Protein backbone atom coordinates (compact mmCIF):
# COMPACT_ATOMS: atom_id res chain seq x y z
CA MET A 1 -20.07 -98.49 199.54
CA SER A 2 -23.02 -100.99 197.46
CA GLU A 3 -25.19 -99.20 199.91
CA TRP A 4 -24.53 -95.60 198.42
CA SER A 5 -26.69 -94.41 195.66
CA ILE A 6 -26.50 -91.61 193.24
CA GLN A 7 -29.62 -89.02 193.06
CA LEU A 8 -30.77 -85.79 191.40
CA LEU A 9 -31.05 -83.49 194.20
CA SER A 10 -34.72 -82.21 193.18
CA SER A 11 -35.54 -85.60 194.55
CA LEU A 12 -34.55 -85.00 198.20
CA ILE A 13 -35.46 -81.50 198.55
CA VAL A 14 -37.77 -78.42 198.16
CA ILE A 15 -36.82 -75.61 196.93
CA ASN A 16 -38.32 -72.01 197.91
CA ALA A 17 -41.42 -73.69 199.96
CA HIS A 18 -42.18 -70.84 201.96
CA SER A 19 -42.73 -67.32 200.65
CA ILE A 20 -44.35 -64.27 202.72
CA GLY A 21 -48.46 -63.78 202.07
CA LYS A 22 -50.67 -61.10 202.50
CA ASP A 23 -51.57 -62.52 205.77
CA TRP A 24 -47.75 -61.37 207.15
CA GLN A 25 -48.67 -61.13 211.04
CA TYR A 26 -45.28 -58.99 212.49
CA GLU A 27 -44.84 -55.23 212.12
CA ASN A 28 -41.13 -56.02 211.12
CA CYS A 29 -38.87 -58.36 209.60
CA LEU A 30 -35.72 -59.60 210.48
CA TYR A 31 -34.05 -59.43 206.67
CA LEU A 32 -30.75 -61.38 206.09
CA ASP A 33 -29.60 -60.34 202.15
CA THR A 34 -26.95 -61.99 200.27
CA GLY A 35 -24.09 -60.09 201.37
CA SER A 36 -24.73 -60.94 204.95
CA ILE A 37 -23.93 -64.73 205.25
CA THR A 38 -20.37 -66.17 204.42
CA ARG A 39 -19.80 -69.74 204.61
CA GLY A 40 -22.24 -70.27 207.53
CA ILE A 41 -21.32 -67.02 209.56
CA ILE A 42 -23.77 -64.08 209.48
CA SER A 43 -22.40 -60.63 209.78
CA SER A 44 -25.12 -58.74 209.92
CA ILE A 45 -29.24 -59.28 209.83
CA GLN A 46 -31.89 -56.06 209.47
CA ASN A 47 -34.60 -55.42 211.40
CA ILE A 48 -36.83 -53.51 208.89
CA LYS A 49 -40.42 -52.31 209.72
CA LYS A 50 -43.41 -53.73 207.60
CA GLU A 51 -43.85 -50.73 205.67
CA ASN A 52 -40.42 -50.62 204.67
CA PHE A 53 -39.60 -54.29 203.63
CA PRO A 54 -37.49 -54.36 200.94
CA SER A 55 -38.98 -55.89 197.41
CA ARG A 56 -36.52 -58.81 197.56
CA ALA A 57 -37.82 -59.47 201.24
CA LYS A 58 -40.15 -62.07 199.92
CA ARG A 59 -38.51 -65.35 201.19
CA LEU A 60 -39.43 -67.11 204.71
CA VAL A 61 -36.44 -69.73 206.36
CA LYS A 62 -37.41 -72.31 209.03
CA ASN A 63 -35.36 -74.41 210.78
CA LEU A 64 -32.43 -76.12 208.89
CA ASP A 65 -32.94 -74.68 205.90
CA ILE A 66 -30.06 -73.68 203.65
CA VAL A 67 -29.76 -70.26 202.35
CA TYR A 68 -27.78 -70.30 198.79
CA SER A 69 -26.60 -67.26 197.09
CA LEU A 70 -27.92 -67.61 193.14
CA VAL A 71 -25.36 -65.20 192.32
CA ARG A 72 -21.70 -65.51 191.79
CA PRO A 73 -21.08 -69.09 193.74
CA ASN A 74 -17.62 -68.58 194.28
CA GLN A 75 -18.24 -65.82 196.51
CA GLU A 76 -19.59 -68.57 199.05
CA HIS A 77 -22.80 -66.67 200.48
CA TYR A 78 -24.46 -69.85 202.10
CA GLY A 79 -25.50 -70.94 205.09
CA LEU A 80 -27.30 -73.34 207.11
CA ILE A 81 -29.77 -71.58 209.21
CA ILE A 82 -31.00 -73.07 212.72
CA SER A 83 -33.65 -72.26 215.00
CA PRO A 84 -34.50 -69.09 212.88
CA PRO A 85 -37.10 -66.68 214.67
CA LYS A 86 -40.75 -66.74 212.91
CA ASN A 87 -40.10 -63.24 211.16
CA MET A 88 -37.07 -64.16 209.81
CA VAL A 89 -37.17 -63.21 205.91
CA VAL A 90 -34.23 -63.29 203.28
CA SER A 91 -33.81 -61.94 200.06
CA THR A 92 -34.70 -63.79 196.42
CA GLY A 93 -31.20 -63.64 195.49
CA PHE A 94 -30.98 -66.69 197.60
CA ALA A 95 -32.38 -69.90 196.97
CA ILE A 96 -33.87 -71.78 199.88
CA LEU A 97 -33.31 -75.49 199.89
CA SER A 98 -35.34 -77.58 202.65
CA ALA A 99 -34.32 -81.09 203.07
CA ASN A 100 -36.69 -83.92 203.20
CA LYS A 101 -35.42 -85.10 206.48
CA ASN A 102 -36.48 -89.06 205.49
CA LYS A 103 -34.62 -89.23 202.68
CA ILE A 104 -31.29 -86.72 203.49
CA ASN A 105 -29.73 -85.20 206.58
CA PRO A 106 -29.81 -81.40 206.08
CA TYR A 107 -26.37 -81.21 207.97
CA PHE A 108 -24.70 -83.79 205.29
CA LEU A 109 -26.96 -81.55 202.68
CA TYR A 110 -25.20 -78.48 204.16
CA HIS A 111 -21.59 -79.94 203.89
CA TRP A 112 -21.86 -81.40 200.95
CA LEU A 113 -22.87 -78.66 198.80
CA THR A 114 -19.98 -76.67 200.59
CA GLN A 115 -17.37 -78.63 199.11
CA SER A 116 -15.06 -76.54 196.75
CA GLU A 117 -16.00 -79.05 193.83
CA ILE A 118 -19.50 -77.93 194.03
CA THR A 119 -19.23 -74.30 194.48
CA GLU A 120 -16.70 -74.49 191.44
CA LEU A 121 -18.85 -76.71 189.59
CA LEU A 122 -22.04 -74.11 190.09
CA HIS A 123 -19.76 -71.20 189.46
CA SER A 124 -19.00 -72.46 186.25
CA ILE A 125 -22.81 -72.92 185.76
CA ALA A 126 -23.10 -69.27 186.26
CA GLU A 127 -20.76 -68.16 184.30
CA GLY A 128 -22.77 -69.40 181.36
CA SER A 129 -25.90 -68.04 182.13
CA THR A 130 -26.95 -64.83 179.86
CA SER A 131 -27.75 -62.58 183.09
CA THR A 132 -25.49 -59.57 183.83
CA TYR A 133 -23.53 -61.51 186.81
CA PRO A 134 -22.58 -65.02 186.79
CA SER A 135 -26.17 -66.28 188.22
CA LEU A 136 -28.33 -69.62 188.36
CA LYS A 137 -31.70 -70.59 188.30
CA PRO A 138 -33.11 -72.50 191.45
CA GLU A 139 -33.22 -75.05 188.80
CA ASP A 140 -29.50 -75.87 188.60
CA LEU A 141 -29.45 -76.44 191.89
CA GLY A 142 -31.82 -79.05 191.59
CA ALA A 143 -29.99 -80.96 188.39
CA LEU A 144 -27.21 -81.74 190.72
CA LYS A 145 -26.34 -85.18 191.29
CA ILE A 146 -25.57 -86.70 194.42
CA ASN A 147 -23.61 -89.86 195.76
CA LEU A 148 -25.85 -90.64 198.90
CA PRO A 149 -24.77 -92.93 202.08
CA PRO A 150 -27.91 -94.53 203.83
CA LEU A 151 -29.50 -92.01 206.25
CA SER A 152 -27.06 -93.21 209.46
CA GLU A 153 -23.95 -92.69 207.65
CA GLN A 154 -25.14 -89.17 206.19
CA LYS A 155 -25.60 -88.47 210.24
CA ALA A 156 -22.46 -90.11 211.37
CA ILE A 157 -20.54 -88.02 208.43
CA ALA A 158 -22.46 -84.84 209.77
CA ASP A 159 -21.22 -85.28 213.12
CA VAL A 160 -17.68 -85.10 212.49
CA LEU A 161 -17.91 -82.19 210.19
CA SER A 162 -20.39 -79.95 212.32
CA SER A 163 -17.89 -81.14 215.39
CA LEU A 164 -15.28 -78.99 213.49
CA ASP A 165 -17.79 -76.03 212.75
CA ASP A 166 -18.58 -75.69 215.94
CA LYS A 167 -15.12 -75.43 217.37
CA ILE A 168 -14.52 -73.12 214.59
CA ASP A 169 -17.84 -71.06 215.26
CA LEU A 170 -16.89 -70.99 219.13
CA LEU A 171 -13.38 -69.54 218.53
CA HIS A 172 -15.10 -66.81 216.01
CA ARG A 173 -17.84 -65.88 218.67
CA GLN A 174 -14.89 -65.78 221.46
CA ASN A 175 -12.83 -63.60 219.15
CA LYS A 176 -15.80 -60.64 218.84
CA THR A 177 -16.25 -60.74 222.40
CA LEU A 178 -11.80 -60.28 222.95
CA GLU A 179 -11.58 -57.77 220.47
CA ALA A 180 -14.55 -55.94 221.77
CA MET A 181 -13.28 -55.64 225.30
CA ALA A 182 -9.54 -54.76 224.11
CA GLU A 183 -11.72 -51.51 222.16
CA THR A 184 -13.46 -51.01 225.10
CA LEU A 185 -10.06 -50.42 227.25
CA PHE A 186 -8.72 -48.40 224.33
CA ARG A 187 -11.61 -45.85 224.63
CA GLN A 188 -11.53 -45.83 228.04
CA TRP A 189 -7.92 -45.16 228.83
CA PHE A 190 -7.22 -42.74 225.09
CA ILE A 191 -10.50 -40.86 224.54
CA GLU A 192 -12.85 -40.75 227.89
CA GLU A 193 -9.58 -40.48 230.18
CA ALA A 194 -7.45 -38.43 227.87
CA GLN A 195 -5.09 -35.83 229.47
CA GLU A 196 -4.88 -32.44 228.77
CA ASP A 197 -1.38 -32.30 228.58
CA TRP A 198 -0.98 -35.40 226.10
CA ALA A 199 0.96 -33.97 222.79
CA LYS A 200 -0.59 -32.86 219.80
CA GLY A 201 0.65 -34.32 216.17
CA ILE A 202 -0.18 -35.94 213.10
CA LEU A 203 0.31 -39.62 212.33
CA LYS A 204 3.41 -39.86 211.37
CA ASP A 205 4.57 -38.31 214.37
CA GLU A 206 3.82 -41.88 216.00
CA PHE A 207 4.00 -44.33 213.40
CA TYR A 208 6.00 -45.39 210.16
CA PHE A 209 3.89 -46.65 207.98
CA VAL A 210 4.47 -48.07 204.07
CA MET A 211 2.36 -47.35 200.97
CA GLY A 212 2.36 -50.54 198.83
CA GLN A 213 3.33 -51.24 195.62
CA SER A 214 2.39 -54.33 193.70
CA PRO A 215 4.99 -56.31 192.32
CA SER A 216 5.05 -57.68 188.33
CA GLY A 217 2.57 -59.46 187.46
CA ILE A 218 4.63 -62.13 186.29
CA SER A 219 5.89 -63.09 189.79
CA PHE A 220 2.50 -63.98 191.10
CA ASN A 221 1.48 -67.55 191.45
CA GLU A 222 -0.92 -69.64 193.27
CA ASP A 223 1.90 -72.51 194.41
CA ASN A 224 3.60 -71.01 197.57
CA ILE A 225 6.84 -69.98 195.92
CA GLY A 226 7.99 -66.88 197.16
CA ILE A 227 5.91 -64.70 199.75
CA PRO A 228 2.56 -64.23 200.34
CA MET A 229 1.26 -60.95 198.24
CA TYR A 230 -1.96 -59.03 199.45
CA GLN A 231 -3.47 -56.47 197.21
CA GLY A 232 -6.34 -54.98 198.92
CA ASN A 233 -9.47 -55.67 201.64
CA ALA A 234 -10.57 -58.76 199.11
CA ASP A 235 -7.98 -60.60 200.95
CA PHE A 236 -9.44 -59.51 204.27
CA GLY A 237 -10.55 -61.90 207.02
CA PHE A 238 -11.81 -61.22 210.68
CA ARG A 239 -8.10 -60.20 211.74
CA PHE A 240 -5.82 -61.66 208.93
CA PRO A 241 -5.88 -61.61 204.97
CA SER A 242 -6.10 -65.29 203.59
CA LYS A 243 -2.89 -66.48 201.49
CA ARG A 244 -4.10 -66.75 198.01
CA VAL A 245 -1.44 -65.17 196.07
CA PHE A 246 2.52 -65.43 196.08
CA THR A 247 5.08 -63.20 194.25
CA THR A 248 8.84 -63.96 193.92
CA LYS A 249 9.82 -60.03 193.05
CA PRO A 250 8.24 -58.37 196.06
CA THR A 251 8.47 -54.65 196.27
CA ARG A 252 6.98 -53.33 199.51
CA PHE A 253 6.48 -55.22 202.66
CA ALA A 254 4.84 -55.68 206.03
CA GLU A 255 6.57 -57.19 208.85
CA PRO A 256 4.77 -59.29 211.24
CA LEU A 257 1.96 -58.30 213.14
CA ASP A 258 1.67 -55.11 211.38
CA THR A 259 -1.50 -53.30 211.05
CA LEU A 260 -2.65 -53.16 207.26
CA ILE A 261 -5.03 -50.67 206.20
CA SER A 262 -6.70 -50.69 202.72
CA VAL A 263 -6.17 -47.31 200.87
CA ARG A 264 -8.45 -47.72 197.45
CA ALA A 265 -12.20 -48.54 197.09
CA PRO A 266 -13.13 -49.17 200.33
CA VAL A 267 -10.74 -46.84 201.99
CA GLY A 268 -10.78 -48.20 205.68
CA ALA A 269 -10.66 -51.89 206.06
CA GLN A 270 -8.08 -52.89 208.37
CA ASN A 271 -6.57 -56.34 209.30
CA MET A 272 -3.13 -57.57 210.47
CA ALA A 273 0.29 -59.01 209.19
CA PHE A 274 0.10 -62.74 210.01
CA GLU A 275 4.03 -62.78 208.77
CA LYS A 276 5.98 -60.99 206.58
CA CYS A 277 4.50 -60.53 203.90
CA CYS A 278 4.26 -58.06 199.80
CA ILE A 279 1.69 -55.43 199.78
CA GLY A 280 0.45 -54.19 197.01
CA ARG A 281 -0.58 -50.94 195.92
CA GLY A 282 -4.15 -51.32 197.81
CA LEU A 283 -2.74 -51.43 201.30
CA SER A 284 -0.68 -49.65 203.74
CA ALA A 285 0.92 -51.07 206.75
CA PHE A 286 1.89 -49.23 210.05
CA ARG A 287 3.89 -49.88 213.28
CA TYR A 288 3.95 -47.78 216.36
CA LYS A 289 7.38 -45.73 216.34
CA PRO A 290 8.88 -45.67 219.75
CA ASN A 291 8.09 -49.73 220.12
CA PRO A 292 7.66 -52.01 217.12
CA GLU A 293 6.29 -54.43 219.61
CA PHE A 294 2.98 -52.29 220.47
CA TYR A 295 0.99 -53.88 217.85
CA THR A 296 -2.20 -53.66 220.22
CA TYR A 297 -1.93 -50.27 220.55
CA THR A 298 -1.30 -49.46 216.99
CA TYR A 299 -4.36 -52.09 216.04
CA PHE A 300 -6.61 -50.26 217.83
CA LYS A 301 -5.32 -46.88 217.79
CA LEU A 302 -6.07 -46.96 213.95
CA ARG A 303 -9.38 -48.54 214.12
CA GLN A 304 -9.95 -45.52 216.30
CA LEU A 305 -9.04 -43.27 213.05
CA MET A 306 -11.46 -45.05 210.65
CA THR A 307 -13.58 -41.94 211.08
CA GLU A 308 -11.05 -39.51 209.30
CA ILE A 309 -9.74 -42.63 207.11
CA ARG A 310 -12.88 -43.38 205.67
CA CYS A 311 -13.30 -40.24 204.58
CA PHE A 312 -11.16 -40.84 201.77
CA ASN A 313 -14.00 -42.73 200.25
CA ASP A 314 -15.56 -40.16 198.66
CA GLU A 315 -11.95 -38.79 197.03
CA GLY A 316 -10.92 -39.30 193.79
CA THR A 317 -12.19 -39.21 190.06
CA VAL A 318 -13.12 -42.43 189.70
CA PHE A 319 -13.11 -44.32 193.40
CA GLY A 320 -12.13 -43.54 196.58
CA SER A 321 -8.45 -43.85 197.81
CA ILE A 322 -6.08 -42.18 200.29
CA SER A 323 -2.41 -41.28 199.54
CA LYS A 324 0.84 -41.19 201.65
CA SER A 325 0.55 -37.31 202.42
CA ASP A 326 -2.90 -37.47 203.34
CA PHE A 327 -2.44 -40.21 206.00
CA GLU A 328 0.35 -37.72 206.81
CA LYS A 329 -2.01 -35.00 207.86
CA ILE A 330 -4.17 -36.69 210.07
CA LYS A 331 -4.30 -34.91 213.66
CA ILE A 332 -3.64 -36.98 216.44
CA VAL A 333 -3.48 -36.75 219.88
CA ILE A 334 -0.39 -38.72 221.24
CA PRO A 335 -0.46 -40.44 224.88
CA SER A 336 2.25 -40.76 226.98
CA TYR A 337 4.67 -43.60 226.29
CA LYS A 338 4.03 -44.67 229.97
CA GLN A 339 0.26 -44.57 229.60
CA ILE A 340 0.45 -46.69 226.30
CA SER A 341 2.98 -49.44 227.94
CA TYR A 342 0.29 -49.63 230.60
CA PHE A 343 -2.30 -50.16 228.14
CA GLU A 344 -0.30 -52.96 226.28
CA ASN A 345 0.45 -54.74 229.46
CA ILE A 346 -3.29 -55.17 229.92
CA ALA A 347 -4.42 -55.40 226.44
CA LYS A 348 -1.88 -57.67 224.91
CA PRO A 349 -2.63 -60.61 226.38
CA ILE A 350 -6.18 -60.56 224.70
CA ASN A 351 -5.21 -58.98 221.89
CA ASP A 352 -2.63 -61.92 221.87
CA LYS A 353 -5.59 -64.60 222.01
CA VAL A 354 -7.13 -63.49 219.35
CA ILE A 355 -4.21 -64.33 217.18
CA LYS A 356 -3.76 -67.82 218.56
CA ASN A 357 -7.40 -67.99 218.16
CA CYS A 358 -7.36 -67.17 214.61
CA TYR A 359 -4.14 -69.91 214.08
CA GLN A 360 -6.48 -72.31 215.45
CA ILE A 361 -9.47 -71.53 213.14
CA SER A 362 -6.53 -71.86 210.41
CA ILE A 363 -6.00 -75.27 211.27
CA LEU A 364 -9.40 -76.20 212.03
CA GLU A 365 -10.46 -75.08 208.74
CA SER A 366 -7.83 -76.76 206.90
CA LEU A 367 -8.48 -80.03 208.47
CA ARG A 368 -12.06 -79.74 207.34
CA ASP A 369 -11.88 -78.83 203.69
CA THR A 370 -9.17 -81.73 203.73
CA LEU A 371 -11.72 -83.96 205.02
CA LEU A 372 -14.77 -83.09 203.70
CA PRO A 373 -13.97 -84.18 200.38
CA LYS A 374 -13.12 -87.45 201.58
CA LEU A 375 -16.11 -87.79 203.43
CA MET A 376 -18.52 -87.50 200.85
CA SER A 377 -16.81 -89.50 198.27
CA GLY A 378 -16.67 -92.34 200.81
CA GLU A 379 -12.96 -92.53 200.65
CA VAL A 380 -12.25 -92.04 204.02
CA ARG A 381 -15.41 -93.94 206.10
CA VAL A 382 -16.87 -93.24 209.66
CA ARG A 383 -18.25 -95.48 212.27
CA TYR A 384 -21.87 -95.32 212.90
CA THR A 385 -25.13 -97.28 213.88
CA THR A 386 -27.47 -98.50 211.53
CA GLU A 387 -31.18 -97.82 212.05
CA ALA A 388 -31.21 -101.65 213.07
CA GLY A 389 -28.91 -100.60 215.94
CA GLU A 390 -25.78 -102.33 214.38
CA SER A 391 -22.50 -101.05 213.80
CA ALA A 392 -21.02 -100.53 210.74
């Protein structure tokens, strides 16, 4: 590793190089706010007309720029921007890092910045700020020291990590497509083609549900002792919650593949239980009464009811909440068991593919997160070809 060298990040990048000027030539912008990207995954982009630009919409991004939120770094609102449109603008809540490609590979830099060691360091710096929220200054990023391998090795390391990220991204995109297919089927079968002779009732006529109750805090741990415990939507992912906290004294349970709904602000976030778990006071768990194996119907039926459920975000004196009695009063149409069985036979394989993909994503993310610090420190080396064409 004698060819590796410790350098200041500020010597390798330019921060906030491009801003909107008076000569802006487009009638709109595609605007990315800090909360719209997490660990490289963009959840939403706003299309905003020129006259309505937010005051924070001032920074342009270009190909292979890295956007890194300056507020609460541990929330991981960052990403590598690849081939953005020319009218893409990001919030001033981001620092934009443009790599000097003669010194540092942008993909390598992105992976280096996303190490938990680096995000934790930056968060500790942010917590020492005098701002209302834990916040960084752009120069805090520039002051970081990086142990930098030669460009050829940087590329080889980045290629390994990027191949994992590409597989993860492909599975995420496939999941969104599959979930949209299943939701379309549900809408067609149970809304557009609803039968007049279907029964009418309330939510508890069709589903068992459990309201969560939080165990004693002294039973909590992060050492995988006991069973997973989820408090609310802060734990939620695309389909399954992330395991962060365990409890040795569980109180209320969700069974595998139960539908989970958040019952406290915000009301109406939705996930599924991957395994038997404890649910805290911020969650409820649902399953279909006639056949608990019909978890696909349950999930998409609850999703279809979200308009009614989310109305309770406006209830409560301090924050929104929905109670057991509120759930019980929600009026529903109850299709025939035969119709639900047909739907389950068709939609379940689609839904099961989403579940399988989520499991694969978890494995790949774990592999990437294990490899990342080892590759960045040189503990694990990759073979690469030098600029002179030699193998190293």
